[in-house]
Amino acid sequence: MTNSKISNDPLFGSSAMIWDALAFKQRKRPSPLDAETSSVAGRISAARAHKQQGILDAAEKLIRRYGHAKTSIEDISRVIGTSRADIYRFFPTKEALDQRVFARHAHFILERARDAARCETDGSAPLLAAIISLVEQTASMIECEPHIQQLFATAFAKDWEAAHIYISQVLALIEAIISDGMKTGHFAVSDPAVAAQRVLTSVIVFIHPTLVTEAALKFPSLIPGPLTQIEPVLAYLSASGRK
């Protein structure tokens, strides 16, 4: 269950880092200085990564406590004992920093959903496990991490690239699970990508940070629960192509 389209994903690292790694691998005639240069570059890169990690840690801590709208670059710089200019070396805007904090949480949610799917092997169980994980984590975020939930709502409201990547990775996870189910003969669909879209559509109201609060939670008598919503889709996955 992997996705190769990660070169520009803030969930997986910067494209610049990936490009540098590829360029280094493609060197054909290493000189005697290459090892030393590589060592120095590695130390610099590690120092930058450590600094960036510290900024993100401080930003996340403040956002959890006060919310992203009330957390400023100056607040973050004060916490870690550096200048605003130093932070701007890593994140050109406050929104860019907020997106990376969002991406951290999105990555964590995705990893837990993947782990839940890996723990199941029977029939539609991996798919259900992944969906339940996504739904439960979204509900937990609303109840226990209101400022993080607001960050997610802002990401979708402002159409952040990181929000698009998050949904695309959720879709990719579902598609990968369906593809695995096709290999074992449990699912019989002609196009796992189309099937994944149907699954996501059936449960999006429970994992979208705005829809879940503005629709699913406000009108529980009108919107069936996620398991009820996905039942017809599971029937479609199992029956399609067998007629």
C-alpha atoms as a PDB file:
ATOM      1  CA  MET A   1       0.000   0.000   0.000  1.00  0.00           C
ATOM      2  CA  THR A   2       2.284   2.720  -1.254  1.00  0.00           C
ATOM      3  CA  ASN A   3       2.032   5.870  -3.353  1.00  0.00           C
ATOM      4  CA  SER A   4       4.940   6.925  -5.530  1.00  0.00           C
ATOM      5  CA  LYS A   5       3.661  10.466  -6.155  1.00  0.00           C
ATOM      6  CA  ILE A   6       5.396  12.112  -3.231  1.00  0.00           C
ATOM      7  CA  SER A   7       7.992  14.422  -4.790  1.00  0.00           C
ATOM      8  CA  ASN A   8       6.145  17.601  -3.811  1.00  0.00           C
ATOM      9  CA  ASP A   9       4.137  16.351  -0.855  1.00  0.00           C
ATOM     10  CA  PRO A  10       4.652  18.242   2.390  1.00  0.00           C
ATOM     11  CA  LEU A  11       3.560  15.017   4.073  1.00  0.00           C
ATOM     12  CA  PHE A  12       6.668  13.245   2.832  1.00  0.00           C
ATOM     13  CA  GLY A  13       9.405  15.875   2.729  1.00  0.00           C
ATOM     14  CA  SER A  14      10.482  18.677   0.459  1.00  0.00           C
ATOM     15  CA  SER A  15      11.083  18.163  -3.234  1.00  0.00           C
ATOM     16  CA  ALA A  16      14.439  19.913  -2.820  1.00  0.00           C
ATOM     17  CA  MET A  17      15.658  17.242  -0.404  1.00  0.00           C
ATOM     18  CA  ILE A  18      14.570  14.479  -2.759  1.00  0.00           C
ATOM     19  CA  TRP A  19      16.192  16.205  -5.736  1.00  0.00           C
ATOM     20  CA  ASP A  20      19.486  16.597  -3.841  1.00  0.00           C
ATOM     21  CA  ALA A  21      19.449  12.894  -2.971  1.00  0.00           C
ATOM     22  CA  LEU A  22      18.851  11.905  -6.592  1.00  0.00           C
ATOM     23  CA  ALA A  23      21.561  14.233  -7.862  1.00  0.00           C
ATOM     24  CA  PHE A  24      24.064  12.756  -5.441  1.00  0.00           C
ATOM     25  CA  LYS A  25      23.235   9.209  -6.526  1.00  0.00           C
ATOM     26  CA  GLN A  26      23.672  10.108 -10.192  1.00  0.00           C
ATOM     27  CA  ARG A  27      27.289  11.302  -9.861  1.00  0.00           C
ATOM     28  CA  LYS A  28      29.387   9.176 -12.218  1.00  0.00           C
ATOM     29  CA  ARG A  29      32.952  10.103 -11.290  1.00  0.00           C
ATOM     30  CA  PRO A  30      33.390  10.699  -7.581  1.00  0.00           C
ATOM     31  CA  SER A  31      36.541  12.614  -6.661  1.00  0.00           C
ATOM     32  CA  PRO A  32      38.624  12.013  -3.509  1.00  0.00           C
ATOM     33  CA  LEU A  33      36.911  15.072  -2.028  1.00  0.00           C
ATOM     34  CA  ASP A  34      33.441  13.654  -2.456  1.00  0.00           C
ATOM     35  CA  ALA A  35      33.414  11.758   0.825  1.00  0.00           C
ATOM     36  CA  GLU A  36      34.518  14.800   2.815  1.00  0.00           C
ATOM     37  CA  THR A  37      32.132  17.119   0.951  1.00  0.00           C
ATOM     38  CA  SER A  38      29.313  14.685   1.485  1.00  0.00           C
ATOM     39  CA  SER A  39      30.113  14.465   5.194  1.00  0.00           C
ATOM     40  CA  VAL A  40      30.066  18.251   5.601  1.00  0.00           C
ATOM     41  CA  ALA A  41      26.888  18.548   3.562  1.00  0.00           C
ATOM     42  CA  GLY A  42      25.321  15.798   5.628  1.00  0.00           C
ATOM     43  CA  ARG A  43      26.146  17.598   8.874  1.00  0.00           C
ATOM     44  CA  ILE A  44      24.714  20.858   7.516  1.00  0.00           C
ATOM     45  CA  SER A  45      21.602  19.089   6.283  1.00  0.00           C
ATOM     46  CA  ALA A  46      21.166  17.338   9.633  1.00  0.00           C
ATOM     47  CA  ALA A  47      21.586  20.632  11.488  1.00  0.00           C
ATOM     48  CA  ARG A  48      18.983  22.289   9.264  1.00  0.00           C
ATOM     49  CA  ALA A  49      16.593  19.383   9.736  1.00  0.00           C
ATOM     50  CA  HIS A  50      17.074  19.576  13.509  1.00  0.00           C
ATOM     51  CA  LYS A  51      16.423  23.322  13.475  1.00  0.00           C
ATOM     52  CA  GLN A  52      13.335  22.913  11.332  1.00  0.00           C
ATOM     53  CA  GLN A  53      12.076  20.143  13.608  1.00  0.00           C
ATOM     54  CA  GLY A  54      12.493  22.438  16.613  1.00  0.00           C
ATOM     55  CA  ILE A  55      10.464  25.164  14.918  1.00  0.00           C
ATOM     56  CA  LEU A  56       7.693  22.721  14.065  1.00  0.00           C
ATOM     57  CA  ASP A  57       7.685  21.307  17.607  1.00  0.00           C
ATOM     58  CA  ALA A  58       7.313  24.783  19.101  1.00  0.00           C
ATOM     59  CA  ALA A  59       4.650  25.794  16.581  1.00  0.00           C
ATOM     60  CA  GLU A  60       2.643  22.639  17.239  1.00  0.00           C
ATOM     61  CA  LYS A  61       2.809  23.118  21.000  1.00  0.00           C
ATOM     62  CA  LEU A  62       1.538  26.687  20.744  1.00  0.00           C
ATOM     63  CA  ILE A  63      -1.141  25.808  18.206  1.00  0.00           C
ATOM     64  CA  ARG A  64      -2.436  23.011  20.416  1.00  0.00           C
ATOM     65  CA  ARG A  65      -2.734  25.473  23.306  1.00  0.00           C
ATOM     66  CA  TYR A  66      -3.836  28.729  21.658  1.00  0.00           C
ATOM     67  CA  GLY A  67      -4.866  27.840  18.098  1.00  0.00           C
ATOM     68  CA  HIS A  68      -3.090  28.646  14.846  1.00  0.00           C
ATOM     69  CA  ALA A  69      -4.788  32.037  14.420  1.00  0.00           C
ATOM     70  CA  LYS A  70      -3.458  33.250  17.769  1.00  0.00           C
ATOM     71  CA  THR A  71       0.007  31.781  17.308  1.00  0.00           C
ATOM     72  CA  SER A  72       2.451  34.183  15.658  1.00  0.00           C
ATOM     73  CA  ILE A  73       5.943  33.788  14.279  1.00  0.00           C
ATOM     74  CA  GLU A  74       7.101  36.048  17.098  1.00  0.00           C
ATOM     75  CA  ASP A  75       5.550  33.708  19.670  1.00  0.00           C
ATOM     76  CA  ILE A  76       7.346  30.740  18.135  1.00  0.00           C
ATOM     77  CA  SER A  77      10.679  32.568  17.934  1.00  0.00           C
ATOM     78  CA  ARG A  78      10.383  33.546  21.593  1.00  0.00           C
ATOM     79  CA  VAL A  79       9.764  29.946  22.664  1.00  0.00           C
ATOM     80  CA  ILE A  80      12.808  28.527  20.871  1.00  0.00           C
ATOM     81  CA  GLY A  81      15.053  31.543  21.463  1.00  0.00           C
ATOM     82  CA  THR A  82      15.671  32.607  17.884  1.00  0.00           C
ATOM     83  CA  SER A  83      14.719  35.468  15.588  1.00  0.00           C
ATOM     84  CA  ARG A  84      11.708  35.735  13.320  1.00  0.00           C
ATOM     85  CA  ALA A  85      14.118  36.071  10.394  1.00  0.00           C
ATOM     86  CA  ASP A  86      15.636  32.716  11.286  1.00  0.00           C
ATOM     87  CA  ILE A  87      12.211  31.057  11.177  1.00  0.00           C
ATOM     88  CA  TYR A  88      11.456  32.690   7.837  1.00  0.00           C
ATOM     89  CA  ARG A  89      14.583  31.017   6.452  1.00  0.00           C
ATOM     90  CA  PHE A  90      12.738  27.720   6.800  1.00  0.00           C
ATOM     91  CA  PHE A  91       9.144  28.827   6.298  1.00  0.00           C
ATOM     92  CA  PRO A  92       8.551  31.817   3.987  1.00  0.00           C
ATOM     93  CA  THR A  93       5.122  32.573   5.479  1.00  0.00           C
ATOM     94  CA  LYS A  94       3.120  31.784   8.589  1.00  0.00           C
ATOM     95  CA  GLU A  95       0.682  29.847   6.403  1.00  0.00           C
ATOM     96  CA  ALA A  96       3.528  27.678   5.107  1.00  0.00           C
ATOM     97  CA  LEU A  97       4.404  26.822   8.702  1.00  0.00           C
ATOM     98  CA  ASP A  98       0.771  26.119   9.541  1.00  0.00           C
ATOM     99  CA  GLN A  99       0.565  23.809   6.532  1.00  0.00           C
ATOM    100  CA  ARG A 100       3.525  21.800   7.785  1.00  0.00           C
ATOM    101  CA  VAL A 101       1.940  21.425  11.223  1.00  0.00           C
ATOM    102  CA  PHE A 102      -1.264  20.320   9.497  1.00  0.00           C
ATOM    103  CA  ALA A 103       0.768  17.888   7.386  1.00  0.00           C
ATOM    104  CA  ARG A 104       2.292  16.355  10.501  1.00  0.00           C
ATOM    105  CA  HIS A 105      -1.100  15.491  11.888  1.00  0.00           C
ATOM    106  CA  ALA A 106      -2.426  14.352   8.527  1.00  0.00           C
ATOM    107  CA  HIS A 107       0.550  12.017   8.157  1.00  0.00           C
ATOM    108  CA  PHE A 108      -0.056  10.613  11.650  1.00  0.00           C
ATOM    109  CA  ILE A 109      -3.737   9.975  10.867  1.00  0.00           C
ATOM    110  CA  LEU A 110      -2.827   8.228   7.633  1.00  0.00           C
ATOM    111  CA  GLU A 111      -0.193   6.057   9.287  1.00  0.00           C
ATOM    112  CA  ARG A 112      -2.623   4.902  11.961  1.00  0.00           C
ATOM    113  CA  ALA A 113      -5.197   4.070   9.291  1.00  0.00           C
ATOM    114  CA  ARG A 114      -2.563   2.097   7.352  1.00  0.00           C
ATOM    115  CA  ASP A 115      -1.548   0.236  10.498  1.00  0.00           C
ATOM    116  CA  ALA A 116      -5.189  -0.604  11.229  1.00  0.00           C
ATOM    117  CA  ALA A 117      -5.597  -2.017   7.720  1.00  0.00           C
ATOM    118  CA  ARG A 118      -2.392  -4.083   7.993  1.00  0.00           C
ATOM    119  CA  CYS A 119      -3.672  -5.748  11.156  1.00  0.00           C
ATOM    120  CA  GLU A 120      -6.589  -7.263   9.248  1.00  0.00           C
ATOM    121  CA  THR A 121      -6.430  -9.863   6.483  1.00  0.00           C
ATOM    122  CA  ASP A 122      -9.914 -11.302   6.103  1.00  0.00           C
ATOM    123  CA  GLY A 123     -12.212 -10.099   3.317  1.00  0.00           C
ATOM    124  CA  SER A 124     -13.335  -6.497   3.664  1.00  0.00           C
ATOM    125  CA  ALA A 125     -11.868  -6.197   7.184  1.00  0.00           C
ATOM    126  CA  PRO A 126      -8.776  -4.178   6.120  1.00  0.00           C
ATOM    127  CA  LEU A 127     -10.954  -1.624   4.347  1.00  0.00           C
ATOM    128  CA  LEU A 128     -13.362  -1.349   7.260  1.00  0.00           C
ATOM    129  CA  ALA A 129     -10.463  -1.043   9.708  1.00  0.00           C
ATOM    130  CA  ALA A 130      -8.939   1.827   7.744  1.00  0.00           C
ATOM    131  CA  ILE A 131     -12.279   3.645   7.454  1.00  0.00           C
ATOM    132  CA  ILE A 132     -13.086   3.194  11.141  1.00  0.00           C
ATOM    133  CA  SER A 133      -9.625   4.474  12.055  1.00  0.00           C
ATOM    134  CA  LEU A 134     -10.080   7.618   9.944  1.00  0.00           C
ATOM    135  CA  VAL A 135     -13.548   8.253  11.368  1.00  0.00           C
ATOM    136  CA  GLU A 136     -12.510   7.675  14.980  1.00  0.00           C
ATOM    137  CA  GLN A 137      -9.412   9.835  14.695  1.00  0.00           C
ATOM    138  CA  THR A 138     -11.466  12.668  13.208  1.00  0.00           C
ATOM    139  CA  ALA A 139     -14.023  12.373  16.022  1.00  0.00           C
ATOM    140  CA  SER A 140     -11.248  12.264  18.627  1.00  0.00           C
ATOM    141  CA  MET A 141      -9.638  15.360  17.148  1.00  0.00           C
ATOM    142  CA  ILE A 142     -12.924  17.265  17.427  1.00  0.00           C
ATOM    143  CA  GLU A 143     -13.421  16.209  21.044  1.00  0.00           C
ATOM    144  CA  CYS A 144      -9.862  16.309  22.375  1.00  0.00           C
ATOM    145  CA  GLU A 145      -7.911  18.637  20.053  1.00  0.00           C
ATOM    146  CA  PRO A 146     -10.252  21.511  19.094  1.00  0.00           C
ATOM    147  CA  HIS A 147      -7.414  23.772  17.959  1.00  0.00           C
ATOM    148  CA  ILE A 148      -6.001  21.068  15.698  1.00  0.00           C
ATOM    149  CA  GLN A 149      -9.488  20.468  14.322  1.00  0.00           C
ATOM    150  CA  GLN A 150      -9.742  24.183  13.578  1.00  0.00           C
ATOM    151  CA  LEU A 151      -6.401  23.985  11.776  1.00  0.00           C
ATOM    152  CA  PHE A 152      -7.802  21.159   9.642  1.00  0.00           C
ATOM    153  CA  ALA A 153     -10.979  23.158   8.964  1.00  0.00           C
ATOM    154  CA  THR A 154      -8.867  26.130   7.876  1.00  0.00           C
ATOM    155  CA  ALA A 155      -6.766  23.924   5.607  1.00  0.00           C
ATOM    156  CA  PHE A 156      -9.870  22.823   3.735  1.00  0.00           C
ATOM    157  CA  ALA A 157     -11.606  26.205   3.803  1.00  0.00           C
ATOM    158  CA  LYS A 158      -8.535  27.949   2.371  1.00  0.00           C
ATOM    159  CA  ASP A 159      -7.899  25.171  -0.125  1.00  0.00           C
ATOM    160  CA  TRP A 160      -4.369  24.476   1.068  1.00  0.00           C
ATOM    161  CA  GLU A 161      -2.265  22.185  -1.086  1.00  0.00           C
ATOM    162  CA  ALA A 162      -1.590  20.047   1.984  1.00  0.00           C
ATOM    163  CA  ALA A 163      -5.332  19.431   2.388  1.00  0.00           C
ATOM    164  CA  HIS A 164      -5.560  18.215  -1.216  1.00  0.00           C
ATOM    165  CA  ILE A 165      -2.600  15.930  -0.609  1.00  0.00           C
ATOM    166  CA  TYR A 166      -4.223  14.534   2.528  1.00  0.00           C
ATOM    167  CA  ILE A 167      -7.420  13.604   0.700  1.00  0.00           C
ATOM    168  CA  SER A 168      -5.460  12.206  -2.256  1.00  0.00           C
ATOM    169  CA  GLN A 169      -3.479  10.008   0.136  1.00  0.00           C
ATOM    170  CA  VAL A 170      -6.669   8.809   1.836  1.00  0.00           C
ATOM    171  CA  LEU A 171      -7.950   7.913  -1.625  1.00  0.00           C
ATOM    172  CA  ALA A 172      -4.656   6.199  -2.487  1.00  0.00           C
ATOM    173  CA  LEU A 173      -4.845   4.154   0.728  1.00  0.00           C
ATOM    174  CA  ILE A 174      -8.379   2.992  -0.059  1.00  0.00           C
ATOM    175  CA  GLU A 175      -7.400   2.168  -3.641  1.00  0.00           C
ATOM    176  CA  ALA A 176      -4.401   0.142  -2.444  1.00  0.00           C
ATOM    177  CA  ILE A 177      -6.583  -1.871  -0.051  1.00  0.00           C
ATOM    178  CA  ILE A 178      -9.116  -2.556  -2.799  1.00  0.00           C
ATOM    179  CA  SER A 179      -6.316  -3.615  -5.168  1.00  0.00           C
ATOM    180  CA  ASP A 180      -5.038  -6.035  -2.525  1.00  0.00           C
ATOM    181  CA  GLY A 181      -8.578  -7.384  -2.127  1.00  0.00           C
ATOM    182  CA  MET A 182      -8.820  -7.920  -5.869  1.00  0.00           C
ATOM    183  CA  LYS A 183      -5.631  -9.991  -5.786  1.00  0.00           C
ATOM    184  CA  THR A 184      -7.068 -12.269  -3.123  1.00  0.00           C
ATOM    185  CA  GLY A 185     -10.348 -12.567  -5.003  1.00  0.00           C
ATOM    186  CA  HIS A 186     -12.489 -10.887  -2.366  1.00  0.00           C
ATOM    187  CA  PHE A 187     -13.211  -7.765  -4.395  1.00  0.00           C
ATOM    188  CA  ALA A 188     -14.290  -7.962  -8.024  1.00  0.00           C
ATOM    189  CA  VAL A 189     -14.204  -4.534  -9.616  1.00  0.00           C
ATOM    190  CA  SER A 190     -12.873  -3.462 -12.985  1.00  0.00           C
ATOM    191  CA  ASP A 191     -11.267  -0.234 -11.792  1.00  0.00           C
ATOM    192  CA  PRO A 192      -9.956   0.069  -8.212  1.00  0.00           C
ATOM    193  CA  ALA A 193      -9.545   3.840  -8.620  1.00  0.00           C
ATOM    194  CA  VAL A 194     -13.251   4.306  -9.387  1.00  0.00           C
ATOM    195  CA  ALA A 195     -14.159   1.932  -6.562  1.00  0.00           C
ATOM    196  CA  ALA A 196     -11.978   3.921  -4.150  1.00  0.00           C
ATOM    197  CA  GLN A 197     -13.784   7.113  -5.128  1.00  0.00           C
ATOM    198  CA  ARG A 198     -17.122   5.465  -4.330  1.00  0.00           C
ATOM    199  CA  VAL A 199     -15.862   4.366  -0.924  1.00  0.00           C
ATOM    200  CA  LEU A 200     -14.504   7.808  -0.089  1.00  0.00           C
ATOM    201  CA  THR A 201     -17.701   9.513  -1.247  1.00  0.00           C
ATOM    202  CA  SER A 202     -19.738   7.287   1.062  1.00  0.00           C
ATOM    203  CA  VAL A 203     -17.768   8.295   4.174  1.00  0.00           C
ATOM    204  CA  ILE A 204     -16.317  11.723   3.365  1.00  0.00           C
ATOM    205  CA  VAL A 205     -18.863  13.450   5.601  1.00  0.00           C
ATOM    206  CA  PHE A 206     -17.307  11.676   8.596  1.00  0.00           C
ATOM    207  CA  ILE A 207     -13.647  12.483   7.882  1.00  0.00           C
ATOM    208  CA  HIS A 208     -13.868  15.940   6.340  1.00  0.00           C
ATOM    209  CA  PRO A 209     -13.167  18.437   9.174  1.00  0.00           C
ATOM    210  CA  THR A 210     -15.922  20.844   8.124  1.00  0.00           C
ATOM    211  CA  LEU A 211     -18.556  18.419   6.873  1.00  0.00           C
ATOM    212  CA  VAL A 212     -18.335  16.324  10.024  1.00  0.00           C
ATOM    213  CA  THR A 213     -19.158  19.314  12.251  1.00  0.00           C
ATOM    214  CA  GLU A 214     -21.596  21.081   9.933  1.00  0.00           C
ATOM    215  CA  ALA A 215     -23.475  18.010   8.726  1.00  0.00           C
ATOM    216  CA  ALA A 216     -22.793  14.645  10.371  1.00  0.00           C
ATOM    217  CA  LEU A 217     -22.832  15.943  13.951  1.00  0.00           C
ATOM    218  CA  LYS A 218     -25.625  18.463  13.443  1.00  0.00           C
ATOM    219  CA  PHE A 219     -28.034  16.126  11.687  1.00  0.00           C
ATOM    220  CA  PRO A 220     -27.404  12.623  13.082  1.00  0.00           C
ATOM    221  CA  SER A 221     -31.009  11.581  12.460  1.00  0.00           C
ATOM    222  CA  LEU A 222     -30.690  12.405   8.753  1.00  0.00           C
ATOM    223  CA  ILE A 223     -27.197  11.070   8.085  1.00  0.00           C
ATOM    224  CA  PRO A 224     -26.669   7.354   8.815  1.00  0.00           C
ATOM    225  CA  GLY A 225     -23.471   6.291  10.554  1.00  0.00           C
ATOM    226  CA  PRO A 226     -20.336   5.469   8.552  1.00  0.00           C
ATOM    227  CA  LEU A 227     -20.819   1.704   8.732  1.00  0.00           C
ATOM    228  CA  THR A 228     -24.365   2.032   7.419  1.00  0.00           C
ATOM    229  CA  GLN A 229     -23.151   4.350   4.691  1.00  0.00           C
ATOM    230  CA  ILE A 230     -20.461   1.986   3.496  1.00  0.00           C
ATOM    231  CA  GLU A 231     -22.558  -1.217   3.487  1.00  0.00           C
ATOM    232  CA  PRO A 232     -23.928  -0.729  -0.073  1.00  0.00           C
ATOM    233  CA  VAL A 233     -20.427   0.089  -1.309  1.00  0.00           C
ATOM    234  CA  LEU A 234     -19.024  -3.094   0.183  1.00  0.00           C
ATOM    235  CA  ALA A 235     -21.792  -5.036  -1.554  1.00  0.00           C
ATOM    236  CA  TYR A 236     -20.828  -3.313  -4.803  1.00  0.00           C
ATOM    237  CA  LEU A 237     -17.156  -4.182  -4.308  1.00  0.00           C
ATOM    238  CA  SER A 238     -17.941  -7.843  -3.701  1.00  0.00           C
ATOM    239  CA  ALA A 239     -20.613  -8.304  -6.384  1.00  0.00           C
ATOM    240  CA  SER A 240     -19.393  -6.090  -9.214  1.00  0.00           C
ATOM    241  CA  GLY A 241     -17.922  -8.060 -12.084  1.00  0.00           C
ATOM    242  CA  ARG A 242     -19.307 -11.423 -10.881  1.00  0.00           C
ATOM    243  CA  LYS A 243     -22.616 -11.171 -12.676  1.00  0.00           C
END
